[in-house]
Amino acid sequence: MADISTSWTQADFTALEAAIKKGVRNVTYPSGASVSFASMDEMLRLRAEMREAVNNGSTRRSLSGLAKF
């Protein structure tokens, strides 16, 4: 899979967190990009990473390995 990079925003974090709370593994971000996660554990790991990145202003992350639709 191609290496895709993105900049996380508070809105991206909020979208992921909302999907986790609903118990669904598909997230559509405000940019329109949709991601289908393999597991809830994968989502929880990304949420922790996103939270840290958004809080610290370091918002670059590779999405390689995640399914993107």
C-alpha atoms as a PDB file:
ATOM      1  CA  MET A   1       0.000   0.000   0.000  1.00  0.00           C
ATOM      2  CA  ALA A   2       1.190   3.515  -0.721  1.00  0.00           C
ATOM      3  CA  ASP A   3       2.444   5.662   2.120  1.00  0.00           C
ATOM      4  CA  ILE A   4      -0.154   8.388   2.698  1.00  0.00           C
ATOM      5  CA  SER A   5       0.541  11.258   5.076  1.00  0.00           C
ATOM      6  CA  THR A   6      -1.966  13.563   6.659  1.00  0.00           C
ATOM      7  CA  SER A   7      -2.139  16.409   9.134  1.00  0.00           C
ATOM      8  CA  TRP A   8      -4.356  15.627  12.091  1.00  0.00           C
ATOM      9  CA  THR A   9      -6.771  18.275  13.280  1.00  0.00           C
ATOM     10  CA  GLN A  10      -9.016  18.498  16.315  1.00  0.00           C
ATOM     11  CA  ALA A  11     -11.934  17.737  13.965  1.00  0.00           C
ATOM     12  CA  ASP A  12     -10.199  14.502  12.822  1.00  0.00           C
ATOM     13  CA  PHE A  13      -9.683  13.491  16.445  1.00  0.00           C
ATOM     14  CA  THR A  14     -13.334  14.246  17.213  1.00  0.00           C
ATOM     15  CA  ALA A  15     -14.510  12.144  14.228  1.00  0.00           C
ATOM     16  CA  LEU A  16     -12.409   9.175  15.323  1.00  0.00           C
ATOM     17  CA  GLU A  17     -13.531   9.491  18.912  1.00  0.00           C
ATOM     18  CA  ALA A  18     -17.199   9.623  17.844  1.00  0.00           C
ATOM     19  CA  ALA A  19     -16.795   6.395  15.847  1.00  0.00           C
ATOM     20  CA  ILE A  20     -15.143   4.696  18.839  1.00  0.00           C
ATOM     21  CA  LYS A  21     -18.007   5.758  21.093  1.00  0.00           C
ATOM     22  CA  LYS A  22     -20.539   4.365  18.588  1.00  0.00           C
ATOM     23  CA  GLY A  23     -18.605   1.106  18.305  1.00  0.00           C
ATOM     24  CA  VAL A  24     -18.135   1.372  14.537  1.00  0.00           C
ATOM     25  CA  ARG A  25     -14.863   0.756  12.711  1.00  0.00           C
ATOM     26  CA  ASN A  26     -15.433   3.093   9.771  1.00  0.00           C
ATOM     27  CA  VAL A  27     -14.555   6.770  10.058  1.00  0.00           C
ATOM     28  CA  THR A  28     -15.237   9.557   7.607  1.00  0.00           C
ATOM     29  CA  TYR A  29     -13.075  12.546   8.392  1.00  0.00           C
ATOM     30  CA  PRO A  30     -14.131  16.160   7.743  1.00  0.00           C
ATOM     31  CA  SER A  31     -11.868  16.181   4.659  1.00  0.00           C
ATOM     32  CA  GLY A  32     -14.099  13.483   3.157  1.00  0.00           C
ATOM     33  CA  ALA A  33     -11.503  10.716   3.507  1.00  0.00           C
ATOM     34  CA  SER A  34     -12.914   7.451   4.841  1.00  0.00           C
ATOM     35  CA  VAL A  35     -10.939   4.803   6.700  1.00  0.00           C
ATOM     36  CA  SER A  36     -12.045   1.299   7.630  1.00  0.00           C
ATOM     37  CA  PHE A  37     -10.101  -0.027  10.616  1.00  0.00           C
ATOM     38  CA  ALA A  38      -9.312  -3.696  11.160  1.00  0.00           C
ATOM     39  CA  SER A  39     -10.052  -3.551  14.881  1.00  0.00           C
ATOM     40  CA  MET A  40     -11.168  -1.321  17.694  1.00  0.00           C
ATOM     41  CA  ASP A  41      -7.692  -1.748  19.208  1.00  0.00           C
ATOM     42  CA  GLU A  42      -6.198  -0.155  16.084  1.00  0.00           C
ATOM     43  CA  MET A  43      -8.590   2.780  16.499  1.00  0.00           C
ATOM     44  CA  LEU A  44      -7.699   3.196  20.172  1.00  0.00           C
ATOM     45  CA  ARG A  45      -3.972   3.251  19.353  1.00  0.00           C
ATOM     46  CA  LEU A  46      -4.537   5.871  16.644  1.00  0.00           C
ATOM     47  CA  ARG A  47      -6.719   7.936  18.985  1.00  0.00           C
ATOM     48  CA  ALA A  48      -3.893   8.060  21.541  1.00  0.00           C
ATOM     49  CA  GLU A  49      -1.426   9.026  18.826  1.00  0.00           C
ATOM     50  CA  MET A  50      -3.774  11.679  17.422  1.00  0.00           C
ATOM     51  CA  ARG A  51      -4.487  13.098  20.884  1.00  0.00           C
ATOM     52  CA  GLU A  52      -0.785  13.505  21.554  1.00  0.00           C
ATOM     53  CA  ALA A  53      -0.120  14.995  18.115  1.00  0.00           C
ATOM     54  CA  VAL A  54      -2.992  17.486  18.295  1.00  0.00           C
ATOM     55  CA  ASN A  55      -2.095  18.516  21.851  1.00  0.00           C
ATOM     56  CA  ASN A  56       1.596  18.935  21.020  1.00  0.00           C
ATOM     57  CA  GLY A  57       1.109  20.562  17.622  1.00  0.00           C
ATOM     58  CA  SER A  58       2.970  17.709  15.891  1.00  0.00           C
ATOM     59  CA  THR A  59       0.293  16.563  13.477  1.00  0.00           C
ATOM     60  CA  ARG A  60       2.161  14.519  10.829  1.00  0.00           C
ATOM     61  CA  ARG A  61       1.558  10.788  10.654  1.00  0.00           C
ATOM     62  CA  SER A  62       1.833   8.099   7.998  1.00  0.00           C
ATOM     63  CA  LEU A  63      -1.326   6.195   7.155  1.00  0.00           C
ATOM     64  CA  SER A  64       0.459   3.285   5.469  1.00  0.00           C
ATOM     65  CA  GLY A  65      -1.166   0.044   6.474  1.00  0.00           C
ATOM     66  CA  LEU A  66      -4.628   1.533   6.962  1.00  0.00           C
ATOM     67  CA  ALA A  67      -7.347   0.827   4.446  1.00  0.00           C
ATOM     68  CA  LYS A  68      -8.540   4.008   2.770  1.00  0.00           C
ATOM     69  CA  PHE A  69     -11.733   4.188   0.754  1.00  0.00           C
END
